[in-house]
Amino acid sequence: MPIKKILVVDDSPTERHALMELLIRHGYQVVTAESGEEGIEKARAELPDLILMDVVMPGLNGYQATRTLTRDETTKHIPIIVCTSKGQETDKIWGLRQGALDYLVKPVNSEELLSKIAAL
């Protein structure tokens, strides 16, 4: 199934805007959320084809939101790519163990992100 709609979950307005611009420029429809809680709500309401999830956010962090979404009947089919500044190998392993399909460290390389999306 081709990726059309992408949910970007990030508490940083700058990061959200940068990802949104990149994705829209490449023909994707983008929905955004500013927190883990809002990300879960929007994922259930919008049923995007892909979620890009930050980790460090106030309230519910990206690991918790990813775990919630990958265990929810409504959203467990949606692939999640974690996009975070947490670059340790243990962070990556933990993110993947929460159910994320992939893990990218910020600043996200545009070409790498687009090729991962295209490969889905």
PDB file of N, CA and C in Angstrom:
ATOM      1  N   MET A   1       0.854  -1.191   0.000  1.00  0.00           N
ATOM      2  CA  MET A   1       0.000   0.000   0.000  1.00  0.00           C
ATOM      3  C   MET A   1       0.890   1.242   0.000  1.00  0.00           C
ATOM      4  N   PRO A   2       0.732   2.112  -0.982  1.00  0.00           N
ATOM      5  CA  PRO A   2       1.577   3.309  -1.009  1.00  0.00           C
ATOM      6  C   PRO A   2       1.263   4.264   0.145  1.00  0.00           C
ATOM      7  N   ILE A   3       2.283   4.926   0.629  1.00  0.00           N
ATOM      8  CA  ILE A   3       2.143   5.888   1.714  1.00  0.00           C
ATOM      9  C   ILE A   3       1.602   7.197   1.131  1.00  0.00           C
ATOM     10  N   LYS A   4       0.473   7.671   1.657  1.00  0.00           N
ATOM     11  CA  LYS A   4      -0.091   8.944   1.206  1.00  0.00           C
ATOM     12  C   LYS A   4      -0.177   9.942   2.347  1.00  0.00           C
ATOM     13  N   LYS A   5      -0.722   9.486   3.486  1.00  0.00           N
ATOM     14  CA  LYS A   5      -0.936  10.380   4.629  1.00  0.00           C
ATOM     15  C   LYS A   5       0.043  10.028   5.742  1.00  0.00           C
ATOM     16  N   ILE A   6       0.777  11.044   6.228  1.00  0.00           N
ATOM     17  CA  ILE A   6       1.783  10.838   7.273  1.00  0.00           C
ATOM     18  C   ILE A   6       1.465  11.722   8.469  1.00  0.00           C
ATOM     19  N   LEU A   7       1.478  11.117   9.649  1.00  0.00           N
ATOM     20  CA  LEU A   7       1.291  11.852  10.900  1.00  0.00           C
ATOM     21  C   LEU A   7       2.669  12.150  11.485  1.00  0.00           C
ATOM     22  N   VAL A   8       2.964  13.432  11.705  1.00  0.00           N
ATOM     23  CA  VAL A   8       4.226  13.846  12.313  1.00  0.00           C
ATOM     24  C   VAL A   8       3.935  14.237  13.765  1.00  0.00           C
ATOM     25  N   VAL A   9       4.528  13.516  14.714  1.00  0.00           N
ATOM     26  CA  VAL A   9       4.331  13.798  16.133  1.00  0.00           C
ATOM     27  C   VAL A   9       5.638  14.337  16.699  1.00  0.00           C
ATOM     28  N   ASP A  10       5.652  15.637  17.035  1.00  0.00           N
ATOM     29  CA  ASP A  10       6.869  16.268  17.556  1.00  0.00           C
ATOM     30  C   ASP A  10       6.471  17.531  18.305  1.00  0.00           C
ATOM     31  N   ASP A  11       7.047  17.743  19.481  1.00  0.00           N
ATOM     32  CA  ASP A  11       6.690  18.928  20.273  1.00  0.00           C
ATOM     33  C   ASP A  11       7.419  20.184  19.794  1.00  0.00           C
ATOM     34  N   SER A  12       8.396  20.032  18.902  1.00  0.00           N
ATOM     35  CA  SER A  12       9.138  21.187  18.396  1.00  0.00           C
ATOM     36  C   SER A  12       8.459  21.746  17.143  1.00  0.00           C
ATOM     37  N   PRO A  13       7.975  22.992  17.198  1.00  0.00           N
ATOM     38  CA  PRO A  13       7.350  23.599  16.016  1.00  0.00           C
ATOM     39  C   PRO A  13       8.311  23.630  14.820  1.00  0.00           C
ATOM     40  N   THR A  14       9.597  23.839  15.089  1.00  0.00           N
ATOM     41  CA  THR A  14      10.596  23.892  14.016  1.00  0.00           C
ATOM     42  C   THR A  14      10.720  22.540  13.318  1.00  0.00           C
ATOM     43  N   GLU A  15      10.835  21.470  14.115  1.00  0.00           N
ATOM     44  CA  GLU A  15      10.960  20.122  13.542  1.00  0.00           C
ATOM     45  C   GLU A  15       9.694  19.746  12.777  1.00  0.00           C
ATOM     46  N   ARG A  16       8.529  20.023  13.378  1.00  0.00           N
ATOM     47  CA  ARG A  16       7.250  19.713  12.710  1.00  0.00           C
ATOM     48  C   ARG A  16       7.173  20.408  11.363  1.00  0.00           C
ATOM     49  N   HIS A  17       7.529  21.696  11.352  1.00  0.00           N
ATOM     50  CA  HIS A  17       7.452  22.487  10.131  1.00  0.00           C
ATOM     51  C   HIS A  17       8.425  21.953   9.065  1.00  0.00           C
ATOM     52  N   ALA A  18       9.639  21.658   9.479  1.00  0.00           N
ATOM     53  CA  ALA A  18      10.656  21.169   8.536  1.00  0.00           C
ATOM     54  C   ALA A  18      10.218  19.843   7.908  1.00  0.00           C
ATOM     55  N   LEU A  19       9.742  18.917   8.736  1.00  0.00           N
ATOM     56  CA  LEU A  19       9.292  17.628   8.206  1.00  0.00           C
ATOM     57  C   LEU A  19       8.067  17.804   7.318  1.00  0.00           C
ATOM     58  N   MET A  20       7.147  18.659   7.753  1.00  0.00           N
ATOM     59  CA  MET A  20       5.934  18.904   6.995  1.00  0.00           C
ATOM     60  C   MET A  20       6.277  19.466   5.602  1.00  0.00           C
ATOM     61  N   GLU A  21       7.149  20.465   5.564  1.00  0.00           N
ATOM     62  CA  GLU A  21       7.563  21.065   4.282  1.00  0.00           C
ATOM     63  C   GLU A  21       8.168  20.013   3.354  1.00  0.00           C
ATOM     64  N   LEU A  22       9.073  19.215   3.893  1.00  0.00           N
ATOM     65  CA  LEU A  22       9.744  18.181   3.106  1.00  0.00           C
ATOM     66  C   LEU A  22       8.717  17.195   2.537  1.00  0.00           C
ATOM     67  N   LEU A  23       7.829  16.721   3.391  1.00  0.00           N
ATOM     68  CA  LEU A  23       6.871  15.696   2.974  1.00  0.00           C
ATOM     69  C   LEU A  23       5.848  16.237   1.980  1.00  0.00           C
ATOM     70  N   ILE A  24       5.348  17.444   2.219  1.00  0.00           N
ATOM     71  CA  ILE A  24       4.372  18.048   1.304  1.00  0.00           C
ATOM     72  C   ILE A  24       5.021  18.270  -0.066  1.00  0.00           C
ATOM     73  N   ARG A  25       6.275  18.722  -0.056  1.00  0.00           N
ATOM     74  CA  ARG A  25       7.009  18.952  -1.295  1.00  0.00           C
ATOM     75  C   ARG A  25       7.127  17.667  -2.128  1.00  0.00           C
ATOM     76  N   HIS A  26       7.113  16.529  -1.430  1.00  0.00           N
ATOM     77  CA  HIS A  26       7.226  15.238  -2.119  1.00  0.00           C
ATOM     78  C   HIS A  26       5.864  14.552  -2.281  1.00  0.00           C
ATOM     79  N   GLY A  27       4.790  15.328  -2.135  1.00  0.00           N
ATOM     80  CA  GLY A  27       3.462  14.820  -2.481  1.00  0.00           C
ATOM     81  C   GLY A  27       2.691  14.106  -1.390  1.00  0.00           C
ATOM     82  N   TYR A  28       3.184  14.162  -0.160  1.00  0.00           N
ATOM     83  CA  TYR A  28       2.472  13.491   0.930  1.00  0.00           C
ATOM     84  C   TYR A  28       1.481  14.447   1.592  1.00  0.00           C
ATOM     85  N   GLN A  29       0.387  13.868   2.107  1.00  0.00           N
ATOM     86  CA  GLN A  29      -0.553  14.641   2.922  1.00  0.00           C
ATOM     87  C   GLN A  29      -0.039  14.520   4.360  1.00  0.00           C
ATOM     88  N   VAL A  30       0.038  15.645   5.080  1.00  0.00           N
ATOM     89  CA  VAL A  30       0.640  15.620   6.411  1.00  0.00           C
ATOM     90  C   VAL A  30      -0.344  16.100   7.471  1.00  0.00           C
ATOM     91  N   VAL A  31      -0.404  15.337   8.572  1.00  0.00           N
ATOM     92  CA  VAL A  31      -1.177  15.702   9.751  1.00  0.00           C
ATOM     93  C   VAL A  31      -0.146  15.826  10.868  1.00  0.00           C
ATOM     94  N   THR A  32      -0.310  16.800  11.769  1.00  0.00           N
ATOM     95  CA  THR A  32       0.685  16.957  12.834  1.00  0.00           C
ATOM     96  C   THR A  32       0.045  16.857  14.215  1.00  0.00           C
ATOM     97  N   ALA A  33       0.885  16.515  15.183  1.00  0.00           N
ATOM     98  CA  ALA A  33       0.489  16.474  16.588  1.00  0.00           C
ATOM     99  C   ALA A  33       1.674  16.963  17.407  1.00  0.00           C
ATOM    100  N   GLU A  34       1.385  17.647  18.533  1.00  0.00           N
ATOM    101  CA  GLU A  34       2.441  18.255  19.344  1.00  0.00           C
ATOM    102  C   GLU A  34       2.834  17.450  20.571  1.00  0.00           C
ATOM    103  N   SER A  35       2.140  16.332  20.812  1.00  0.00           N
ATOM    104  CA  SER A  35       2.443  15.533  22.009  1.00  0.00           C
ATOM    105  C   SER A  35       2.103  14.069  21.743  1.00  0.00           C
ATOM    106  N   GLY A  36       2.595  13.206  22.627  1.00  0.00           N
ATOM    107  CA  GLY A  36       2.271  11.781  22.507  1.00  0.00           C
ATOM    108  C   GLY A  36       0.780  11.538  22.589  1.00  0.00           C
ATOM    109  N   GLU A  37       0.122  12.224  23.528  1.00  0.00           N
ATOM    110  CA  GLU A  37      -1.325  12.057  23.702  1.00  0.00           C
ATOM    111  C   GLU A  37      -2.077  12.472  22.439  1.00  0.00           C
ATOM    112  N   GLU A  38      -1.713  13.653  21.899  1.00  0.00           N
ATOM    113  CA  GLU A  38      -2.373  14.139  20.689  1.00  0.00           C
ATOM    114  C   GLU A  38      -2.057  13.221  19.506  1.00  0.00           C
ATOM    115  N   GLY A  39      -0.835  12.701  19.483  1.00  0.00           N
ATOM    116  CA  GLY A  39      -0.450  11.766  18.424  1.00  0.00           C
ATOM    117  C   GLY A  39      -1.326  10.527  18.410  1.00  0.00           C
ATOM    118  N   ILE A  40      -1.604   9.986  19.589  1.00  0.00           N
ATOM    119  CA  ILE A  40      -2.467   8.802  19.694  1.00  0.00           C
ATOM    120  C   ILE A  40      -3.879   9.142  19.218  1.00  0.00           C
ATOM    121  N   GLU A  41      -4.406  10.285  19.679  1.00  0.00           N
ATOM    122  CA  GLU A  41      -5.752  10.721  19.259  1.00  0.00           C
ATOM    123  C   GLU A  41      -5.834  10.875  17.746  1.00  0.00           C
ATOM    124  N   LYS A  42      -4.845  11.580  17.170  1.00  0.00           N
ATOM    125  CA  LYS A  42      -4.865  11.835  15.719  1.00  0.00           C
ATOM    126  C   LYS A  42      -4.677  10.540  14.932  1.00  0.00           C
ATOM    127  N   ALA A  43      -3.838   9.635  15.443  1.00  0.00           N
ATOM    128  CA  ALA A  43      -3.624   8.355  14.749  1.00  0.00           C
ATOM    129  C   ALA A  43      -4.940   7.579  14.687  1.00  0.00           C
ATOM    130  N   ARG A  44      -5.680   7.565  15.787  1.00  0.00           N
ATOM    131  CA  ARG A  44      -6.963   6.847  15.818  1.00  0.00           C
ATOM    132  C   ARG A  44      -8.002   7.519  14.923  1.00  0.00           C
ATOM    133  N   ALA A  45      -7.994   8.852  14.881  1.00  0.00           N
ATOM    134  CA  ALA A  45      -8.994   9.591  14.103  1.00  0.00           C
ATOM    135  C   ALA A  45      -8.662   9.607  12.610  1.00  0.00           C
ATOM    136  N   GLU A  46      -7.394   9.809  12.273  1.00  0.00           N
ATOM    137  CA  GLU A  46      -6.985  10.000  10.875  1.00  0.00           C
ATOM    138  C   GLU A  46      -6.553   8.713  10.167  1.00  0.00           C
ATOM    139  N   LEU A  47      -6.121   7.713  10.958  1.00  0.00           N
ATOM    140  CA  LEU A  47      -5.568   6.475  10.416  1.00  0.00           C
ATOM    141  C   LEU A  47      -4.573   6.736   9.276  1.00  0.00           C
ATOM    142  N   PRO A  48      -3.448   7.403   9.618  1.00  0.00           N
ATOM    143  CA  PRO A  48      -2.433   7.706   8.594  1.00  0.00           C
ATOM    144  C   PRO A  48      -1.765   6.418   8.095  1.00  0.00           C
ATOM    145  N   ASP A  49      -1.050   6.538   6.995  1.00  0.00           N
ATOM    146  CA  ASP A  49      -0.328   5.391   6.433  1.00  0.00           C
ATOM    147  C   ASP A  49       1.022   5.191   7.114  1.00  0.00           C
ATOM    148  N   LEU A  50       1.495   6.234   7.810  1.00  0.00           N
ATOM    149  CA  LEU A  50       2.799   6.200   8.472  1.00  0.00           C
ATOM    150  C   LEU A  50       2.811   7.248   9.581  1.00  0.00           C
ATOM    151  N   ILE A  51       3.544   6.950  10.662  1.00  0.00           N
ATOM    152  CA  ILE A  51       3.712   7.921  11.746  1.00  0.00           C
ATOM    153  C   ILE A  51       5.208   8.163  11.942  1.00  0.00           C
ATOM    154  N   LEU A  52       5.593   9.452  11.980  1.00  0.00           N
ATOM    155  CA  LEU A  52       6.960   9.835  12.345  1.00  0.00           C
ATOM    156  C   LEU A  52       6.879  10.343  13.779  1.00  0.00           C
ATOM    157  N   MET A  53       7.556   9.668  14.697  1.00  0.00           N
ATOM    158  CA  MET A  53       7.389   9.907  16.136  1.00  0.00           C
ATOM    159  C   MET A  53       8.666  10.408  16.798  1.00  0.00           C
ATOM    160  N   ASP A  54       8.572  11.575  17.427  1.00  0.00           N
ATOM    161  CA  ASP A  54       9.664  12.078  18.262  1.00  0.00           C
ATOM    162  C   ASP A  54       9.649  11.290  19.569  1.00  0.00           C
ATOM    163  N   VAL A  55      10.725  11.306  20.329  1.00  0.00           N
ATOM    164  CA  VAL A  55      10.752  10.607  21.623  1.00  0.00           C
ATOM    165  C   VAL A  55      10.592  11.585  22.780  1.00  0.00           C
ATOM    166  N   VAL A  56      11.423  12.630  22.811  1.00  0.00           N
ATOM    167  CA  VAL A  56      11.446  13.529  23.962  1.00  0.00           C
ATOM    168  C   VAL A  56      10.346  14.577  23.828  1.00  0.00           C
ATOM    169  N   MET A  57       9.240  14.339  24.561  1.00  0.00           N
ATOM    170  CA  MET A  57       8.099  15.260  24.560  1.00  0.00           C
ATOM    171  C   MET A  57       7.529  15.309  25.969  1.00  0.00           C
ATOM    172  N   PRO A  58       6.927  16.441  26.341  1.00  0.00           N
ATOM    173  CA  PRO A  58       6.299  16.505  27.666  1.00  0.00           C
ATOM    174  C   PRO A  58       5.099  15.558  27.713  1.00  0.00           C
ATOM    175  N   GLY A  59       4.770  15.100  28.909  1.00  0.00           N
ATOM    176  CA  GLY A  59       3.648  14.153  29.034  1.00  0.00           C
ATOM    177  C   GLY A  59       4.088  12.788  28.542  1.00  0.00           C
ATOM    178  N   LEU A  60       3.268  12.191  27.722  1.00  0.00           N
ATOM    179  CA  LEU A  60       3.554  10.871  27.161  1.00  0.00           C
ATOM    180  C   LEU A  60       4.715  10.993  26.170  1.00  0.00           C
ATOM    181  N   ASN A  61       5.803  10.255  26.395  1.00  0.00           N
ATOM    182  CA  ASN A  61       6.918  10.355  25.451  1.00  0.00           C
ATOM    183  C   ASN A  61       6.674   9.455  24.238  1.00  0.00           C
ATOM    184  N   GLY A  62       7.556   9.576  23.245  1.00  0.00           N
ATOM    185  CA  GLY A  62       7.380   8.834  22.005  1.00  0.00           C
ATOM    186  C   GLY A  62       7.441   7.328  22.156  1.00  0.00           C
ATOM    187  N   TYR A  63       8.244   6.840  23.098  1.00  0.00           N
ATOM    188  CA  TYR A  63       8.290   5.395  23.334  1.00  0.00           C
ATOM    189  C   TYR A  63       6.923   4.915  23.841  1.00  0.00           C
ATOM    190  N   GLN A  64       6.361   5.655  24.805  1.00  0.00           N
ATOM    191  CA  GLN A  64       5.065   5.274  25.371  1.00  0.00           C
ATOM    192  C   GLN A  64       3.960   5.348  24.318  1.00  0.00           C
ATOM    193  N   ALA A  65       3.980   6.419  23.516  1.00  0.00           N
ATOM    194  CA  ALA A  65       2.963   6.579  22.473  1.00  0.00           C
ATOM    195  C   ALA A  65       3.094   5.474  21.427  1.00  0.00           C
ATOM    196  N   THR A  66       4.325   5.146  21.048  1.00  0.00           N
ATOM    197  CA  THR A  66       4.560   4.065  20.081  1.00  0.00           C
ATOM    198  C   THR A  66       4.032   2.746  20.621  1.00  0.00           C
ATOM    199  N   ARG A  67       4.346   2.449  21.870  1.00  0.00           N
ATOM    200  CA  ARG A  67       3.878   1.205  22.499  1.00  0.00           C
ATOM    201  C   ARG A  67       2.348   1.155  22.493  1.00  0.00           C
ATOM    202  N   THR A  68       1.707   2.276  22.855  1.00  0.00           N
ATOM    203  CA  THR A  68       0.245   2.332  22.880  1.00  0.00           C
ATOM    204  C   THR A  68      -0.332   2.070  21.490  1.00  0.00           C
ATOM    205  N   LEU A  69       0.219   2.740  20.487  1.00  0.00           N
ATOM    206  CA  LEU A  69      -0.309   2.616  19.121  1.00  0.00           C
ATOM    207  C   LEU A  69      -0.090   1.228  18.527  1.00  0.00           C
ATOM    208  N   THR A  70       1.057   0.612  18.806  1.00  0.00           N
ATOM    209  CA  THR A  70       1.342  -0.698  18.217  1.00  0.00           C
ATOM    210  C   THR A  70       0.601  -1.825  18.930  1.00  0.00           C
ATOM    211  N   ARG A  71      -0.014  -1.523  20.067  1.00  0.00           N
ATOM    212  CA  ARG A  71      -0.799  -2.532  20.781  1.00  0.00           C
ATOM    213  C   ARG A  71      -2.302  -2.302  20.662  1.00  0.00           C
ATOM    214  N   ASP A  72      -2.688  -1.251  19.958  1.00  0.00           N
ATOM    215  CA  ASP A  72      -4.095  -0.888  19.794  1.00  0.00           C
ATOM    216  C   ASP A  72      -4.607  -1.508  18.494  1.00  0.00           C
ATOM    217  N   GLU A  73      -5.738  -2.222  18.570  1.00  0.00           N
ATOM    218  CA  GLU A  73      -6.307  -2.879  17.383  1.00  0.00           C
ATOM    219  C   GLU A  73      -6.501  -1.915  16.216  1.00  0.00           C
ATOM    220  N   THR A  74      -6.909  -0.682  16.511  1.00  0.00           N
ATOM    221  CA  THR A  74      -7.218   0.301  15.463  1.00  0.00           C
ATOM    222  C   THR A  74      -5.975   0.786  14.733  1.00  0.00           C
ATOM    223  N   THR A  75      -4.839   0.857  15.443  1.00  0.00           N
ATOM    224  CA  THR A  75      -3.646   1.503  14.885  1.00  0.00           C
ATOM    225  C   THR A  75      -2.426   0.591  14.743  1.00  0.00           C
ATOM    226  N   LYS A  76      -2.521  -0.656  15.159  1.00  0.00           N
ATOM    227  CA  LYS A  76      -1.313  -1.503  15.172  1.00  0.00           C
ATOM    228  C   LYS A  76      -0.747  -1.797  13.787  1.00  0.00           C
ATOM    229  N   HIS A  77      -1.540  -1.599  12.730  1.00  0.00           N
ATOM    230  CA  HIS A  77      -1.064  -1.841  11.365  1.00  0.00           C
ATOM    231  C   HIS A  77      -0.261  -0.663  10.802  1.00  0.00           C
ATOM    232  N   ILE A  78      -0.277   0.478  11.509  1.00  0.00           N
ATOM    233  CA  ILE A  78       0.389   1.686  10.997  1.00  0.00           C
ATOM    234  C   ILE A  78       1.881   1.636  11.346  1.00  0.00           C
ATOM    235  N   PRO A  79       2.752   1.681  10.332  1.00  0.00           N
ATOM    236  CA  PRO A  79       4.187   1.675  10.644  1.00  0.00           C
ATOM    237  C   PRO A  79       4.602   2.992  11.323  1.00  0.00           C
ATOM    238  N   ILE A  80       5.537   2.875  12.265  1.00  0.00           N
ATOM    239  CA  ILE A  80       6.049   4.042  12.985  1.00  0.00           C
ATOM    240  C   ILE A  80       7.556   4.119  12.795  1.00  0.00           C
ATOM    241  N   ILE A  81       8.036   5.296  12.381  1.00  0.00           N
ATOM    242  CA  ILE A  81       9.475   5.547  12.331  1.00  0.00           C
ATOM    243  C   ILE A  81       9.775   6.581  13.413  1.00  0.00           C
ATOM    244  N   VAL A  82      10.623   6.213  14.346  1.00  0.00           N
ATOM    245  CA  VAL A  82      11.024   7.136  15.409  1.00  0.00           C
ATOM    246  C   VAL A  82      12.056   8.098  14.824  1.00  0.00           C
ATOM    247  N   CYS A  83      11.843   9.407  15.030  1.00  0.00           N
ATOM    248  CA  CYS A  83      12.785  10.448  14.592  1.00  0.00           C
ATOM    249  C   CYS A  83      13.143  11.253  15.833  1.00  0.00           C
ATOM    250  N   THR A  84      14.335  11.068  16.358  1.00  0.00           N
ATOM    251  CA  THR A  84      14.682  11.656  17.644  1.00  0.00           C
ATOM    252  C   THR A  84      16.140  12.079  17.716  1.00  0.00           C
ATOM    253  N   SER A  85      16.440  12.920  18.685  1.00  0.00           N
ATOM    254  CA  SER A  85      17.825  13.321  18.927  1.00  0.00           C
ATOM    255  C   SER A  85      18.548  12.284  19.788  1.00  0.00           C
ATOM    256  N   LYS A  86      17.811  11.300  20.338  1.00  0.00           N
ATOM    257  CA  LYS A  86      18.427  10.270  21.181  1.00  0.00           C
ATOM    258  C   LYS A  86      19.128   9.246  20.293  1.00  0.00           C
ATOM    259  N   GLY A  87      20.458   9.375  20.219  1.00  0.00           N
ATOM    260  CA  GLY A  87      21.206   8.586  19.249  1.00  0.00           C
ATOM    261  C   GLY A  87      21.966   7.386  19.781  1.00  0.00           C
ATOM    262  N   GLN A  88      21.823   7.063  21.055  1.00  0.00           N
ATOM    263  CA  GLN A  88      22.525   5.901  21.603  1.00  0.00           C
ATOM    264  C   GLN A  88      21.932   4.605  21.040  1.00  0.00           C
ATOM    265  N   GLU A  89      22.762   3.588  20.925  1.00  0.00           N
ATOM    266  CA  GLU A  89      22.297   2.292  20.427  1.00  0.00           C
ATOM    267  C   GLU A  89      21.186   1.732  21.321  1.00  0.00           C
ATOM    268  N   THR A  90      21.303   1.944  22.642  1.00  0.00           N
ATOM    269  CA  THR A  90      20.270   1.446  23.564  1.00  0.00           C
ATOM    270  C   THR A  90      18.929   2.151  23.323  1.00  0.00           C
ATOM    271  N   ASP A  91      18.978   3.449  22.963  1.00  0.00           N
ATOM    272  CA  ASP A  91      17.746   4.182  22.646  1.00  0.00           C
ATOM    273  C   ASP A  91      17.070   3.557  21.430  1.00  0.00           C
ATOM    274  N   LYS A  92      17.883   3.248  20.423  1.00  0.00           N
ATOM    275  CA  LYS A  92      17.357   2.671  19.189  1.00  0.00           C
ATOM    276  C   LYS A  92      16.732   1.304  19.473  1.00  0.00           C
ATOM    277  N   ILE A  93      17.440   0.485  20.195  1.00  0.00           N
ATOM    278  CA  ILE A  93      16.930  -0.854  20.534  1.00  0.00           C
ATOM    279  C   ILE A  93      15.615  -0.730  21.287  1.00  0.00           C
ATOM    280  N   TRP A  94      15.555   0.183  22.264  1.00  0.00           N
ATOM    281  CA  TRP A  94      14.339   0.379  23.050  1.00  0.00           C
ATOM    282  C   TRP A  94      13.190   0.839  22.149  1.00  0.00           C
ATOM    283  N   GLY A  95      13.470   1.765  21.231  1.00  0.00           N
ATOM    284  CA  GLY A  95      12.439   2.251  20.315  1.00  0.00           C
ATOM    285  C   GLY A  95      11.873   1.128  19.458  1.00  0.00           C
ATOM    286  N   LEU A  96      12.745   0.300  18.940  1.00  0.00           N
ATOM    287  CA  LEU A  96      12.300  -0.823  18.102  1.00  0.00           C
ATOM    288  C   LEU A  96      11.537  -1.848  18.940  1.00  0.00           C
ATOM    289  N   ARG A  97      11.931  -2.023  20.192  1.00  0.00           N
ATOM    290  CA  ARG A  97      11.221  -2.963  21.071  1.00  0.00           C
ATOM    291  C   ARG A  97       9.813  -2.473  21.425  1.00  0.00           C
ATOM    292  N   GLN A  98       9.587  -1.162  21.307  1.00  0.00           N
ATOM    293  CA  GLN A  98       8.247  -0.615  21.576  1.00  0.00           C
ATOM    294  C   GLN A  98       7.316  -0.827  20.385  1.00  0.00           C
ATOM    295  N   GLY A  99       7.891  -1.274  19.268  1.00  0.00           N
ATOM    296  CA  GLY A  99       7.080  -1.562  18.095  1.00  0.00           C
ATOM    297  C   GLY A  99       7.392  -0.696  16.887  1.00  0.00           C
ATOM    298  N   ALA A 100       8.369   0.219  17.012  1.00  0.00           N
ATOM    299  CA  ALA A 100       8.724   1.067  15.867  1.00  0.00           C
ATOM    300  C   ALA A 100       9.334   0.204  14.760  1.00  0.00           C
ATOM    301  N   LEU A 101       9.044   0.582  13.528  1.00  0.00           N
ATOM    302  CA  LEU A 101       9.558  -0.147  12.374  1.00  0.00           C
ATOM    303  C   LEU A 101      11.004   0.259  12.082  1.00  0.00           C
ATOM    304  N   ASP A 102      11.315   1.538  12.365  1.00  0.00           N
ATOM    305  CA  ASP A 102      12.649   2.055  12.071  1.00  0.00           C
ATOM    306  C   ASP A 102      12.960   3.196  13.039  1.00  0.00           C
ATOM    307  N   TYR A 103      14.207   3.657  13.016  1.00  0.00           N
ATOM    308  CA  TYR A 103      14.678   4.646  13.988  1.00  0.00           C
ATOM    309  C   TYR A 103      15.683   5.553  13.303  1.00  0.00           C
ATOM    310  N   LEU A 104      15.386   6.852  13.254  1.00  0.00           N
ATOM    311  CA  LEU A 104      16.300   7.825  12.656  1.00  0.00           C
ATOM    312  C   LEU A 104      16.718   8.854  13.697  1.00  0.00           C
ATOM    313  N   VAL A 105      17.978   9.263  13.652  1.00  0.00           N
ATOM    314  CA  VAL A 105      18.485  10.249  14.601  1.00  0.00           C
ATOM    315  C   VAL A 105      18.465  11.632  13.942  1.00  0.00           C
ATOM    316  N   LYS A 106      17.969  12.638  14.696  1.00  0.00           N
ATOM    317  CA  LYS A 106      17.944  14.030  14.216  1.00  0.00           C
ATOM    318  C   LYS A 106      19.353  14.610  14.265  1.00  0.00           C
ATOM    319  N   PRO A 107      19.675  15.527  13.390  1.00  0.00           N
ATOM    320  CA  PRO A 107      18.816  15.995  12.311  1.00  0.00           C
ATOM    321  C   PRO A 107      18.623  14.897  11.270  1.00  0.00           C
ATOM    322  N   VAL A 108      17.361  14.659  10.915  1.00  0.00           N
ATOM    323  CA  VAL A 108      17.025  13.581   9.991  1.00  0.00           C
ATOM    324  C   VAL A 108      17.531  13.928   8.592  1.00  0.00           C
ATOM    325  N   ASN A 109      18.207  12.965   7.975  1.00  0.00           N
ATOM    326  CA  ASN A 109      18.680  13.115   6.599  1.00  0.00           C
ATOM    327  C   ASN A 109      17.471  12.948   5.677  1.00  0.00           C
ATOM    328  N   SER A 110      17.140  13.994   4.923  1.00  0.00           N
ATOM    329  CA  SER A 110      15.947  14.004   4.066  1.00  0.00           C
ATOM    330  C   SER A 110      15.917  12.837   3.098  1.00  0.00           C
ATOM    331  N   GLU A 111      17.041  12.593   2.428  1.00  0.00           N
ATOM    332  CA  GLU A 111      17.096  11.509   1.433  1.00  0.00           C
ATOM    333  C   GLU A 111      16.863  10.152   2.091  1.00  0.00           C
ATOM    334  N   GLU A 112      17.479   9.957   3.274  1.00  0.00           N
ATOM    335  CA  GLU A 112      17.329   8.696   3.987  1.00  0.00           C
ATOM    336  C   GLU A 112      15.866   8.488   4.383  1.00  0.00           C
ATOM    337  N   LEU A 113      15.247   9.547   4.928  1.00  0.00           N
ATOM    338  CA  LEU A 113      13.849   9.453   5.342  1.00  0.00           C
ATOM    339  C   LEU A 113      12.947   9.133   4.144  1.00  0.00           C
ATOM    340  N   LEU A 114      13.128   9.868   3.050  1.00  0.00           N
ATOM    341  CA  LEU A 114      12.298   9.656   1.858  1.00  0.00           C
ATOM    342  C   LEU A 114      12.487   8.252   1.279  1.00  0.00           C
ATOM    343  N   SER A 115      13.707   7.742   1.310  1.00  0.00           N
ATOM    344  CA  SER A 115      13.925   6.387   0.779  1.00  0.00           C
ATOM    345  C   SER A 115      13.288   5.340   1.691  1.00  0.00           C
ATOM    346  N   LYS A 116      13.309   5.577   3.002  1.00  0.00           N
ATOM    347  CA  LYS A 116      12.664   4.625   3.924  1.00  0.00           C
ATOM    348  C   LYS A 116      11.147   4.644   3.710  1.00  0.00           C
ATOM    349  N   ILE A 117      10.578   5.838   3.491  1.00  0.00           N
ATOM    350  CA  ILE A 117       9.137   5.937   3.245  1.00  0.00           C
ATOM    351  C   ILE A 117       8.781   5.236   1.933  1.00  0.00           C
ATOM    352  N   ALA A 118       9.584   5.471   0.911  1.00  0.00           N
ATOM    353  CA  ALA A 118       9.339   4.854  -0.409  1.00  0.00           C
ATOM    354  C   ALA A 118       9.418   3.335  -0.337  1.00  0.00           C
ATOM    355  N   ALA A 119      10.257   2.823   0.566  1.00  0.00           N
ATOM    356  CA  ALA A 119      10.458   1.365   0.683  1.00  0.00           C
ATOM    357  C   ALA A 119       9.290   0.677   1.399  1.00  0.00           C
ATOM    358  N   LEU A 120       8.440   1.440   2.057  1.00  0.00           N
ATOM    359  CA  LEU A 120       7.321   0.829   2.802  1.00  0.00           C
ATOM    360  C   LEU A 120       6.253   0.301   1.866  1.00  0.00           C
TER     361      LEU A 120
END
